[in-house]
Amino acid sequence: MTLFQKRLKETLEKRHMRQVDLAEKTGLTRGIISSYLYGRYKAKGENVALMAKALGVDPSWLAGVEDVPMGTTQEERDVLSLWRTLSDRDKGTVQCLLSHLAGSRDE
């Protein structure tokens, strides 16, 4: 099972949607969605985008391009990209700063 198939299946389950529900929201046929789920066809970019929009997830995530959680916003993905460029020392500094900022909200 490809990452795309796994994510499509998981997202349908989490959203309590059936293939027919996704078909209605996207204009794709239930048959094509079934073909994607069972690996008979590979989804093209425009269909991935349609399904991602209907499911409320990022198209890159659904396609298996990005390894980020399903509900991640673009802003969070941007921060993650920056995080990955930091040294271990700088990551420690950022973690301390975030902990401090999160703790100061309660005051």
N, C-alpha and C. Protein backbone atom coordinates (compact mmCIF):
# COMPACT_ATOMS: atom_id res chain seq x y z
N MET A 1 0.85 -1.18 0.00
CA MET A 1 0.00 0.00 0.00
C MET A 1 0.89 1.24 0.00
N THR A 2 0.61 2.16 -0.91
CA THR A 2 1.40 3.38 -0.98
C THR A 2 1.02 4.32 0.15
N LEU A 3 1.86 5.30 0.40
CA LEU A 3 1.56 6.30 1.42
C LEU A 3 0.29 7.07 1.07
N PHE A 4 0.11 7.37 -0.22
CA PHE A 4 -1.11 8.05 -0.65
C PHE A 4 -2.35 7.22 -0.31
N GLN A 5 -2.33 5.93 -0.65
CA GLN A 5 -3.47 5.07 -0.36
C GLN A 5 -3.76 5.03 1.15
N LYS A 6 -2.70 4.88 1.92
CA LYS A 6 -2.85 4.82 3.38
C LYS A 6 -3.46 6.11 3.91
N ARG A 7 -2.95 7.24 3.45
CA ARG A 7 -3.46 8.52 3.95
C ARG A 7 -4.90 8.78 3.49
N LEU A 8 -5.20 8.40 2.27
CA LEU A 8 -6.58 8.58 1.78
C LEU A 8 -7.53 7.75 2.62
N LYS A 9 -7.20 6.51 2.86
CA LYS A 9 -8.04 5.62 3.66
C LYS A 9 -8.19 6.14 5.09
N GLU A 10 -7.08 6.51 5.71
CA GLU A 10 -7.12 7.02 7.09
C GLU A 10 -7.96 8.28 7.20
N THR A 11 -7.81 9.17 6.22
CA THR A 11 -8.54 10.43 6.27
C THR A 11 -10.03 10.20 6.08
N LEU A 12 -10.40 9.33 5.18
CA LEU A 12 -11.82 9.00 5.01
C LEU A 12 -12.39 8.47 6.32
N GLU A 13 -11.65 7.59 6.99
CA GLU A 13 -12.11 7.03 8.25
C GLU A 13 -12.24 8.11 9.32
N LYS A 14 -11.23 8.97 9.43
CA LYS A 14 -11.25 10.02 10.46
C LYS A 14 -12.37 11.03 10.22
N ARG A 15 -12.70 11.25 8.96
CA ARG A 15 -13.76 12.20 8.62
C ARG A 15 -15.14 11.52 8.58
N HIS A 16 -15.16 10.22 8.87
CA HIS A 16 -16.39 9.44 8.81
C HIS A 16 -17.08 9.60 7.45
N MET A 17 -16.26 9.50 6.41
CA MET A 17 -16.76 9.63 5.04
C MET A 17 -16.63 8.30 4.32
N ARG A 18 -17.56 8.08 3.42
CA ARG A 18 -17.50 6.92 2.55
C ARG A 18 -16.98 7.37 1.19
N GLN A 19 -16.62 6.42 0.36
CA GLN A 19 -16.14 6.75 -0.97
C GLN A 19 -17.18 7.56 -1.73
N VAL A 20 -18.44 7.19 -1.58
CA VAL A 20 -19.51 7.90 -2.28
C VAL A 20 -19.61 9.35 -1.81
N ASP A 21 -19.35 9.59 -0.52
CA ASP A 21 -19.37 10.97 0.01
C ASP A 21 -18.27 11.80 -0.64
N LEU A 22 -17.08 11.21 -0.73
CA LEU A 22 -15.96 11.91 -1.36
C LEU A 22 -16.25 12.15 -2.84
N ALA A 23 -16.86 11.18 -3.48
CA ALA A 23 -17.21 11.33 -4.90
C ALA A 23 -18.16 12.51 -5.09
N GLU A 24 -19.16 12.62 -4.23
CA GLU A 24 -20.11 13.72 -4.33
C GLU A 24 -19.44 15.08 -4.12
N LYS A 25 -18.50 15.14 -3.19
CA LYS A 25 -17.83 16.41 -2.88
C LYS A 25 -16.81 16.82 -3.94
N THR A 26 -16.29 15.84 -4.69
CA THR A 26 -15.23 16.15 -5.65
C THR A 26 -15.68 16.13 -7.10
N GLY A 27 -16.79 15.46 -7.37
CA GLY A 27 -17.21 15.29 -8.75
C GLY A 27 -16.52 14.10 -9.42
N LEU A 28 -15.66 13.42 -8.69
CA LEU A 28 -15.03 12.20 -9.20
C LEU A 28 -16.00 11.04 -9.02
N THR A 29 -15.83 9.99 -9.78
CA THR A 29 -16.71 8.85 -9.62
C THR A 29 -16.26 8.00 -8.43
N ARG A 30 -17.21 7.25 -7.88
CA ARG A 30 -16.88 6.35 -6.79
C ARG A 30 -15.89 5.30 -7.29
N GLY A 31 -16.02 4.92 -8.54
CA GLY A 31 -15.13 3.93 -9.12
C GLY A 31 -13.69 4.39 -9.18
N ILE A 32 -13.47 5.65 -9.53
CA ILE A 32 -12.09 6.16 -9.60
C ILE A 32 -11.50 6.27 -8.20
N ILE A 33 -12.32 6.69 -7.24
CA ILE A 33 -11.84 6.78 -5.86
C ILE A 33 -11.48 5.39 -5.34
N SER A 34 -12.32 4.41 -5.65
CA SER A 34 -12.02 3.04 -5.28
C SER A 34 -10.72 2.57 -5.93
N SER A 35 -10.52 2.94 -7.19
CA SER A 35 -9.29 2.56 -7.89
C SER A 35 -8.06 3.17 -7.23
N TYR A 36 -8.19 4.40 -6.72
CA TYR A 36 -7.08 5.03 -6.00
C TYR A 36 -6.81 4.29 -4.69
N LEU A 37 -7.90 3.96 -3.97
CA LEU A 37 -7.75 3.30 -2.68
C LEU A 37 -7.12 1.92 -2.80
N TYR A 38 -7.39 1.23 -3.89
CA TYR A 38 -6.88 -0.12 -4.04
C TYR A 38 -5.70 -0.21 -4.99
N GLY A 39 -5.17 0.95 -5.39
CA GLY A 39 -3.93 0.97 -6.16
C GLY A 39 -4.04 0.57 -7.62
N ARG A 40 -5.24 0.56 -8.15
CA ARG A 40 -5.40 0.22 -9.57
C ARG A 40 -4.96 1.37 -10.47
N TYR A 41 -5.13 2.60 -9.98
CA TYR A 41 -4.71 3.78 -10.71
C TYR A 41 -3.98 4.71 -9.76
N LYS A 42 -3.06 5.48 -10.31
CA LYS A 42 -2.37 6.50 -9.52
C LYS A 42 -3.09 7.83 -9.74
N ALA A 43 -3.40 8.52 -8.66
CA ALA A 43 -4.13 9.79 -8.74
C ALA A 43 -3.26 10.88 -9.35
N LYS A 44 -3.83 11.63 -10.26
CA LYS A 44 -3.14 12.78 -10.85
C LYS A 44 -3.26 13.97 -9.90
N GLY A 45 -2.37 14.94 -10.10
CA GLY A 45 -2.31 16.10 -9.22
C GLY A 45 -3.62 16.82 -9.04
N GLU A 46 -4.36 17.03 -10.12
CA GLU A 46 -5.61 17.78 -10.00
C GLU A 46 -6.65 17.00 -9.19
N ASN A 47 -6.66 15.67 -9.32
CA ASN A 47 -7.59 14.88 -8.53
C ASN A 47 -7.17 14.79 -7.07
N VAL A 48 -5.87 14.74 -6.83
CA VAL A 48 -5.37 14.78 -5.45
C VAL A 48 -5.80 16.09 -4.80
N ALA A 49 -5.67 17.19 -5.54
CA ALA A 49 -6.06 18.50 -5.02
C ALA A 49 -7.56 18.55 -4.71
N LEU A 50 -8.38 17.99 -5.58
CA LEU A 50 -9.83 17.95 -5.34
C LEU A 50 -10.16 17.16 -4.08
N MET A 51 -9.54 16.00 -3.95
CA MET A 51 -9.81 15.16 -2.78
C MET A 51 -9.30 15.82 -1.51
N ALA A 52 -8.11 16.42 -1.57
CA ALA A 52 -7.54 17.08 -0.40
C ALA A 52 -8.45 18.21 0.07
N LYS A 53 -8.95 18.99 -0.86
CA LYS A 53 -9.84 20.09 -0.49
C LYS A 53 -11.11 19.56 0.16
N ALA A 54 -11.69 18.53 -0.42
CA ALA A 54 -12.91 17.95 0.13
C ALA A 54 -12.68 17.33 1.51
N LEU A 55 -11.48 16.82 1.73
CA LEU A 55 -11.15 16.18 3.00
C LEU A 55 -10.58 17.15 4.03
N GLY A 56 -10.24 18.36 3.60
CA GLY A 56 -9.69 19.36 4.51
C GLY A 56 -8.26 19.09 4.91
N VAL A 57 -7.47 18.54 3.97
CA VAL A 57 -6.06 18.28 4.24
C VAL A 57 -5.20 18.92 3.16
N ASP A 58 -3.92 19.01 3.42
CA ASP A 58 -2.98 19.57 2.46
C ASP A 58 -2.75 18.57 1.33
N PRO A 59 -2.81 19.03 0.07
CA PRO A 59 -2.59 18.12 -1.06
C PRO A 59 -1.24 17.41 -1.02
N SER A 60 -0.19 18.12 -0.63
CA SER A 60 1.14 17.50 -0.55
C SER A 60 1.16 16.40 0.49
N TRP A 61 0.48 16.63 1.60
CA TRP A 61 0.41 15.60 2.64
C TRP A 61 -0.33 14.38 2.10
N LEU A 62 -1.50 14.61 1.50
CA LEU A 62 -2.29 13.50 0.99
C LEU A 62 -1.52 12.70 -0.05
N ALA A 63 -0.81 13.37 -0.92
CA ALA A 63 -0.06 12.71 -1.98
C ALA A 63 1.14 11.93 -1.44
N GLY A 64 1.50 12.18 -0.18
CA GLY A 64 2.64 11.48 0.40
C GLY A 64 3.95 12.19 0.19
N VAL A 65 3.89 13.45 -0.27
CA VAL A 65 5.11 14.21 -0.53
C VAL A 65 5.70 14.74 0.76
N GLU A 66 4.85 15.22 1.65
CA GLU A 66 5.32 15.81 2.90
C GLU A 66 5.03 14.89 4.06
N ASP A 67 5.99 14.77 4.96
CA ASP A 67 5.83 13.94 6.14
C ASP A 67 5.46 14.81 7.33
N VAL A 68 4.26 15.36 7.27
CA VAL A 68 3.75 16.21 8.35
C VAL A 68 2.35 15.71 8.72
N PRO A 69 1.89 16.00 9.91
CA PRO A 69 0.55 15.55 10.31
C PRO A 69 -0.55 16.08 9.40
N MET A 70 -1.64 15.35 9.35
CA MET A 70 -2.74 15.63 8.45
C MET A 70 -3.27 17.07 8.54
N GLY A 71 -3.50 17.57 9.73
CA GLY A 71 -4.13 18.87 9.87
C GLY A 71 -3.16 20.05 9.95
N THR A 72 -1.96 19.87 9.51
CA THR A 72 -0.95 20.90 9.63
C THR A 72 -1.22 22.05 8.67
N THR A 73 -1.13 23.27 9.20
CA THR A 73 -1.34 24.46 8.37
C THR A 73 -0.07 24.79 7.60
N GLN A 74 -0.21 25.66 6.62
CA GLN A 74 0.95 26.09 5.84
C GLN A 74 1.96 26.78 6.75
N GLU A 75 1.48 27.58 7.68
CA GLU A 75 2.38 28.28 8.62
C GLU A 75 3.18 27.27 9.45
N GLU A 76 2.53 26.21 9.91
CA GLU A 76 3.22 25.18 10.68
C GLU A 76 4.24 24.45 9.82
N ARG A 77 3.90 24.18 8.56
CA ARG A 77 4.85 23.52 7.67
C ARG A 77 6.05 24.42 7.40
N ASP A 78 5.82 25.72 7.30
CA ASP A 78 6.93 26.66 7.10
C ASP A 78 7.87 26.64 8.31
N VAL A 79 7.30 26.62 9.50
CA VAL A 79 8.11 26.57 10.72
C VAL A 79 8.90 25.26 10.77
N LEU A 80 8.25 24.16 10.41
CA LEU A 80 8.95 22.87 10.40
C LEU A 80 10.11 22.89 9.41
N SER A 81 9.92 23.49 8.26
CA SER A 81 11.01 23.59 7.27
C SER A 81 12.18 24.37 7.84
N LEU A 82 11.89 25.46 8.53
CA LEU A 82 12.95 26.24 9.16
C LEU A 82 13.62 25.44 10.27
N TRP A 83 12.82 24.74 11.08
CA TRP A 83 13.34 23.93 12.18
C TRP A 83 14.39 22.94 11.68
N ARG A 84 14.12 22.33 10.54
CA ARG A 84 15.00 21.31 10.00
C ARG A 84 16.35 21.88 9.55
N THR A 85 16.45 23.18 9.42
CA THR A 85 17.72 23.79 9.02
C THR A 85 18.58 24.16 10.22
N LEU A 86 18.03 24.09 11.44
CA LEU A 86 18.75 24.52 12.63
C LEU A 86 19.74 23.47 13.12
N SER A 87 20.77 23.95 13.78
CA SER A 87 21.71 23.04 14.45
C SER A 87 21.03 22.52 15.72
N ASP A 88 21.59 21.46 16.30
CA ASP A 88 21.04 20.92 17.54
C ASP A 88 21.04 21.97 18.65
N ARG A 89 22.09 22.75 18.70
CA ARG A 89 22.19 23.81 19.72
C ARG A 89 21.07 24.83 19.54
N ASP A 90 20.86 25.26 18.28
CA ASP A 90 19.81 26.24 18.01
C ASP A 90 18.42 25.67 18.27
N LYS A 91 18.24 24.38 18.00
CA LYS A 91 16.95 23.75 18.30
C LYS A 91 16.68 23.80 19.80
N GLY A 92 17.71 23.57 20.61
CA GLY A 92 17.56 23.66 22.06
C GLY A 92 17.16 25.06 22.50
N THR A 93 17.77 26.06 21.88
CA THR A 93 17.43 27.45 22.20
C THR A 93 15.98 27.75 21.85
N VAL A 94 15.56 27.30 20.69
CA VAL A 94 14.18 27.54 20.24
C VAL A 94 13.20 26.83 21.17
N GLN A 95 13.52 25.61 21.58
CA GLN A 95 12.64 24.88 22.49
C GLN A 95 12.49 25.61 23.82
N CYS A 96 13.60 26.14 24.33
CA CYS A 96 13.54 26.90 25.58
C CYS A 96 12.67 28.14 25.43
N LEU A 97 12.86 28.84 24.32
CA LEU A 97 12.07 30.04 24.06
C LEU A 97 10.58 29.71 23.95
N LEU A 98 10.25 28.66 23.22
CA LEU A 98 8.86 28.27 23.08
C LEU A 98 8.25 27.87 24.40
N SER A 99 9.00 27.12 25.22
CA SER A 99 8.52 26.73 26.53
C SER A 99 8.25 27.95 27.39
N HIS A 100 9.17 28.91 27.32
CA HIS A 100 9.00 30.15 28.09
C HIS A 100 7.76 30.92 27.61
N LEU A 101 7.61 31.06 26.31
CA LEU A 101 6.46 31.78 25.77
C LEU A 101 5.14 31.09 26.10
N ALA A 102 5.11 29.78 26.00
CA ALA A 102 3.90 29.02 26.32
C ALA A 102 3.56 29.14 27.79
N GLY A 103 4.58 29.15 28.64
CA GLY A 103 4.36 29.27 30.09
C GLY A 103 3.90 30.65 30.48
N SER A 104 4.34 31.68 29.76
CA SER A 104 3.99 33.07 30.11
C SER A 104 2.55 33.40 29.75
N ARG A 105 1.88 32.57 28.97
CA ARG A 105 0.47 32.81 28.63
C ARG A 105 -0.42 32.65 29.85
N ASP A 106 0.02 31.81 30.80
CA ASP A 106 -0.81 31.53 31.97
C ASP A 106 -0.73 32.65 33.00
N GLU A 107 0.22 33.52 32.86
CA GLU A 107 0.46 34.57 33.88
C GLU A 107 -0.48 35.74 33.67
